[in-house]
Amino acid sequence: SLELPDFASVRSRMYKIAGEAGLMAVADESVLLTLHALEYHLKQLIGACLKVARPQRRRYQKKEDTISCRDLIRALERAPCVLGEDLPVNLERIILNITQ
Protein backbone atom coordinates (compact mmCIF):
# COMPACT_ATOMS: atom_id res chain seq x y z
CA SER A 1 0.00 0.00 0.00
CA LEU A 2 1.15 3.53 -0.73
CA GLU A 3 -0.58 4.94 2.34
CA LEU A 4 0.70 5.32 5.86
CA PRO A 5 -1.05 3.11 8.41
CA ASP A 6 -4.38 4.52 9.53
CA PHE A 7 -5.14 5.80 13.03
CA ALA A 8 -6.78 2.55 14.17
CA SER A 9 -3.84 0.42 13.01
CA VAL A 10 -1.28 2.59 14.75
CA ARG A 11 -3.37 2.76 17.91
CA SER A 12 -3.73 -1.03 17.92
CA ARG A 13 0.02 -1.49 17.52
CA MET A 14 0.74 1.09 20.20
CA TYR A 15 -1.68 -0.62 22.62
CA LYS A 16 0.12 -3.90 22.07
CA ILE A 17 3.53 -2.35 22.71
CA ALA A 18 2.22 -0.38 25.71
CA GLY A 19 0.68 -3.55 27.15
CA GLU A 20 3.99 -5.38 26.82
CA ALA A 21 5.57 -2.53 28.80
CA GLY A 22 2.93 -2.79 31.54
CA LEU A 23 0.83 0.23 30.51
CA MET A 24 -2.93 0.11 30.33
CA ALA A 25 -3.81 2.81 27.79
CA VAL A 26 -2.58 4.99 24.95
CA ALA A 27 -3.84 8.56 24.54
CA ASP A 28 -5.27 9.47 21.14
CA GLU A 29 -2.94 12.47 21.03
CA SER A 30 0.05 10.15 21.23
CA VAL A 31 -1.26 8.15 18.28
CA LEU A 32 -1.62 11.35 16.23
CA LEU A 33 1.86 12.46 17.22
CA THR A 34 3.24 9.07 16.22
CA LEU A 35 1.57 9.31 12.79
CA HIS A 36 3.02 12.79 12.23
CA ALA A 37 6.45 11.65 13.40
CA LEU A 38 6.31 8.66 11.04
CA GLU A 39 5.47 10.87 8.08
CA TYR A 40 8.26 13.31 8.99
CA HIS A 41 10.75 10.44 9.39
CA LEU A 42 9.81 8.98 6.01
CA LYS A 43 10.28 12.38 4.35
CA GLN A 44 13.73 12.69 5.96
CA LEU A 45 14.68 9.21 4.82
CA ILE A 46 13.50 9.79 1.25
CA GLY A 47 15.25 13.16 1.19
CA ALA A 48 18.51 11.51 2.25
CA CYS A 49 18.08 8.90 -0.49
CA LEU A 50 17.51 11.58 -3.12
CA LYS A 51 20.69 13.41 -2.11
CA VAL A 52 22.59 10.19 -2.78
CA ALA A 53 20.66 9.00 -5.82
CA ARG A 54 20.51 12.20 -7.88
CA PRO A 55 24.29 12.72 -8.25
CA GLN A 56 24.77 9.02 -9.05
CA ARG A 57 22.10 9.10 -11.73
CA ARG A 58 23.54 12.23 -13.31
CA ARG A 59 26.91 10.55 -13.49
CA TYR A 60 25.53 7.47 -15.24
CA GLN A 61 22.73 9.32 -17.01
CA LYS A 62 20.02 7.10 -15.60
CA LYS A 63 16.56 8.58 -15.75
CA GLU A 64 14.67 6.56 -13.20
CA ASP A 65 12.03 7.95 -10.90
CA THR A 66 12.36 5.32 -8.20
CA ILE A 67 14.53 4.99 -5.13
CA SER A 68 16.37 1.70 -5.08
CA CYS A 69 17.50 -0.37 -2.12
CA ARG A 70 21.05 0.57 -3.04
CA ASP A 71 20.12 4.28 -2.79
CA LEU A 72 18.63 3.66 0.63
CA ILE A 73 21.66 1.78 1.93
CA ARG A 74 24.08 4.43 0.59
CA ALA A 75 22.02 7.20 2.15
CA LEU A 76 21.95 5.43 5.50
CA GLU A 77 25.69 4.89 5.41
CA ARG A 78 26.25 8.60 4.66
CA ALA A 79 23.65 9.88 7.11
CA PRO A 80 23.46 7.32 9.92
CA CYS A 81 21.47 9.68 12.13
CA VAL A 82 18.43 8.93 9.95
CA LEU A 83 18.12 5.50 11.57
CA GLY A 84 19.05 6.58 15.05
CA GLU A 85 21.74 5.41 17.40
CA ASP A 86 21.70 1.72 16.49
CA LEU A 87 22.71 2.15 12.84
CA PRO A 88 24.64 -1.13 12.44
CA VAL A 89 21.79 -3.20 13.89
CA ASN A 90 19.07 -1.32 12.00
CA LEU A 91 21.00 -1.41 8.72
CA GLU A 92 21.54 -5.16 9.12
CA ARG A 93 17.79 -5.64 9.69
CA ILE A 94 17.00 -3.67 6.54
CA ILE A 95 19.48 -5.66 4.46
CA LEU A 96 18.12 -8.95 5.82
CA ASN A 97 14.55 -7.92 4.98
CA ILE A 98 15.58 -6.87 1.48
CA THR A 99 17.28 -10.18 0.74
CA GLN A 100 14.35 -12.32 1.95
C-alpha atoms as a PDB file:
ATOM      1  CA  SER A   1       0.000   0.000   0.000  1.00  0.00           C
ATOM      2  CA  LEU A   2       1.149   3.526  -0.729  1.00  0.00           C
ATOM      3  CA  GLU A   3      -0.578   4.945   2.335  1.00  0.00           C
ATOM      4  CA  LEU A   4       0.695   5.318   5.862  1.00  0.00           C
ATOM      5  CA  PRO A   5      -1.048   3.110   8.411  1.00  0.00           C
ATOM      6  CA  ASP A   6      -4.376   4.519   9.535  1.00  0.00           C
ATOM      7  CA  PHE A   7      -5.142   5.799  13.033  1.00  0.00           C
ATOM      8  CA  ALA A   8      -6.778   2.550  14.165  1.00  0.00           C
ATOM      9  CA  SER A   9      -3.844   0.415  13.010  1.00  0.00           C
ATOM     10  CA  VAL A  10      -1.281   2.595  14.746  1.00  0.00           C
ATOM     11  CA  ARG A  11      -3.375   2.757  17.907  1.00  0.00           C
ATOM     12  CA  SER A  12      -3.732  -1.027  17.921  1.00  0.00           C
ATOM     13  CA  ARG A  13       0.016  -1.495  17.523  1.00  0.00           C
ATOM     14  CA  MET A  14       0.743   1.094  20.204  1.00  0.00           C
ATOM     15  CA  TYR A  15      -1.679  -0.620  22.617  1.00  0.00           C
ATOM     16  CA  LYS A  16       0.125  -3.901  22.065  1.00  0.00           C
ATOM     17  CA  ILE A  17       3.535  -2.351  22.714  1.00  0.00           C
ATOM     18  CA  ALA A  18       2.216  -0.383  25.711  1.00  0.00           C
ATOM     19  CA  GLY A  19       0.680  -3.549  27.148  1.00  0.00           C
ATOM     20  CA  GLU A  20       3.991  -5.378  26.822  1.00  0.00           C
ATOM     21  CA  ALA A  21       5.567  -2.531  28.803  1.00  0.00           C
ATOM     22  CA  GLY A  22       2.931  -2.791  31.539  1.00  0.00           C
ATOM     23  CA  LEU A  23       0.835   0.225  30.514  1.00  0.00           C
ATOM     24  CA  MET A  24      -2.932   0.108  30.334  1.00  0.00           C
ATOM     25  CA  ALA A  25      -3.807   2.808  27.793  1.00  0.00           C
ATOM     26  CA  VAL A  26      -2.582   4.990  24.953  1.00  0.00           C
ATOM     27  CA  ALA A  27      -3.839   8.563  24.537  1.00  0.00           C
ATOM     28  CA  ASP A  28      -5.273   9.470  21.137  1.00  0.00           C
ATOM     29  CA  GLU A  29      -2.942  12.474  21.026  1.00  0.00           C
ATOM     30  CA  SER A  30       0.051  10.150  21.235  1.00  0.00           C
ATOM     31  CA  VAL A  31      -1.263   8.146  18.279  1.00  0.00           C
ATOM     32  CA  LEU A  32      -1.625  11.347  16.228  1.00  0.00           C
ATOM     33  CA  LEU A  33       1.857  12.464  17.223  1.00  0.00           C
ATOM     34  CA  THR A  34       3.241   9.066  16.216  1.00  0.00           C
ATOM     35  CA  LEU A  35       1.571   9.310  12.793  1.00  0.00           C
ATOM     36  CA  HIS A  36       3.020  12.793  12.227  1.00  0.00           C
ATOM     37  CA  ALA A  37       6.451  11.647  13.402  1.00  0.00           C
ATOM     38  CA  LEU A  38       6.311   8.658  11.045  1.00  0.00           C
ATOM     39  CA  GLU A  39       5.468  10.873   8.079  1.00  0.00           C
ATOM     40  CA  TYR A  40       8.257  13.306   8.988  1.00  0.00           C
ATOM     41  CA  HIS A  41      10.752  10.441   9.393  1.00  0.00           C
ATOM     42  CA  LEU A  42       9.815   8.983   6.006  1.00  0.00           C
ATOM     43  CA  LYS A  43      10.280  12.377   4.353  1.00  0.00           C
ATOM     44  CA  GLN A  44      13.725  12.693   5.963  1.00  0.00           C
ATOM     45  CA  LEU A  45      14.680   9.205   4.817  1.00  0.00           C
ATOM     46  CA  ILE A  46      13.501   9.787   1.249  1.00  0.00           C
ATOM     47  CA  GLY A  47      15.252  13.164   1.188  1.00  0.00           C
ATOM     48  CA  ALA A  48      18.510  11.511   2.254  1.00  0.00           C
ATOM     49  CA  CYS A  49      18.078   8.904  -0.495  1.00  0.00           C
ATOM     50  CA  LEU A  50      17.514  11.576  -3.118  1.00  0.00           C
ATOM     51  CA  LYS A  51      20.687  13.411  -2.106  1.00  0.00           C
ATOM     52  CA  VAL A  52      22.591  10.189  -2.779  1.00  0.00           C
ATOM     53  CA  ALA A  53      20.655   9.001  -5.824  1.00  0.00           C
ATOM     54  CA  ARG A  54      20.515  12.198  -7.883  1.00  0.00           C
ATOM     55  CA  PRO A  55      24.289  12.717  -8.247  1.00  0.00           C
ATOM     56  CA  GLN A  56      24.772   9.018  -9.048  1.00  0.00           C
ATOM     57  CA  ARG A  57      22.096   9.103 -11.728  1.00  0.00           C
ATOM     58  CA  ARG A  58      23.539  12.229 -13.314  1.00  0.00           C
ATOM     59  CA  ARG A  59      26.914  10.552 -13.492  1.00  0.00           C
ATOM     60  CA  TYR A  60      25.535   7.475 -15.238  1.00  0.00           C
ATOM     61  CA  GLN A  61      22.728   9.325 -17.011  1.00  0.00           C
ATOM     62  CA  LYS A  62      20.017   7.099 -15.601  1.00  0.00           C
ATOM     63  CA  LYS A  63      16.558   8.579 -15.750  1.00  0.00           C
ATOM     64  CA  GLU A  64      14.665   6.557 -13.195  1.00  0.00           C
ATOM     65  CA  ASP A  65      12.027   7.945 -10.897  1.00  0.00           C
ATOM     66  CA  THR A  66      12.357   5.325  -8.202  1.00  0.00           C
ATOM     67  CA  ILE A  67      14.525   4.988  -5.135  1.00  0.00           C
ATOM     68  CA  SER A  68      16.368   1.696  -5.076  1.00  0.00           C
ATOM     69  CA  CYS A  69      17.501  -0.369  -2.119  1.00  0.00           C
ATOM     70  CA  ARG A  70      21.051   0.574  -3.043  1.00  0.00           C
ATOM     71  CA  ASP A  71      20.117   4.276  -2.794  1.00  0.00           C
ATOM     72  CA  LEU A  72      18.626   3.658   0.633  1.00  0.00           C
ATOM     73  CA  ILE A  73      21.663   1.784   1.932  1.00  0.00           C
ATOM     74  CA  ARG A  74      24.083   4.432   0.592  1.00  0.00           C
ATOM     75  CA  ALA A  75      22.016   7.195   2.150  1.00  0.00           C
ATOM     76  CA  LEU A  76      21.948   5.427   5.499  1.00  0.00           C
ATOM     77  CA  GLU A  77      25.691   4.891   5.410  1.00  0.00           C
ATOM     78  CA  ARG A  78      26.254   8.596   4.664  1.00  0.00           C
ATOM     79  CA  ALA A  79      23.645   9.883   7.112  1.00  0.00           C
ATOM     80  CA  PRO A  80      23.464   7.318   9.919  1.00  0.00           C
ATOM     81  CA  CYS A  81      21.467   9.678  12.127  1.00  0.00           C
ATOM     82  CA  VAL A  82      18.428   8.930   9.949  1.00  0.00           C
ATOM     83  CA  LEU A  83      18.117   5.497  11.570  1.00  0.00           C
ATOM     84  CA  GLY A  84      19.052   6.583  15.049  1.00  0.00           C
ATOM     85  CA  GLU A  85      21.743   5.408  17.405  1.00  0.00           C
ATOM     86  CA  ASP A  86      21.697   1.722  16.488  1.00  0.00           C
ATOM     87  CA  LEU A  87      22.706   2.153  12.845  1.00  0.00           C
ATOM     88  CA  PRO A  88      24.638  -1.133  12.442  1.00  0.00           C
ATOM     89  CA  VAL A  89      21.788  -3.196  13.890  1.00  0.00           C
ATOM     90  CA  ASN A  90      19.070  -1.323  12.000  1.00  0.00           C
ATOM     91  CA  LEU A  91      20.996  -1.413   8.723  1.00  0.00           C
ATOM     92  CA  GLU A  92      21.536  -5.157   9.124  1.00  0.00           C
ATOM     93  CA  ARG A  93      17.786  -5.636   9.689  1.00  0.00           C
ATOM     94  CA  ILE A  94      17.001  -3.670   6.539  1.00  0.00           C
ATOM     95  CA  ILE A  95      19.476  -5.658   4.458  1.00  0.00           C
ATOM     96  CA  LEU A  96      18.121  -8.952   5.817  1.00  0.00           C
ATOM     97  CA  ASN A  97      14.555  -7.916   4.979  1.00  0.00           C
ATOM     98  CA  ILE A  98      15.579  -6.868   1.478  1.00  0.00           C
ATOM     99  CA  THR A  99      17.279 -10.178   0.742  1.00  0.00           C
ATOM    100  CA  GLN A 100      14.352 -12.316   1.947  1.00  0.00           C
END
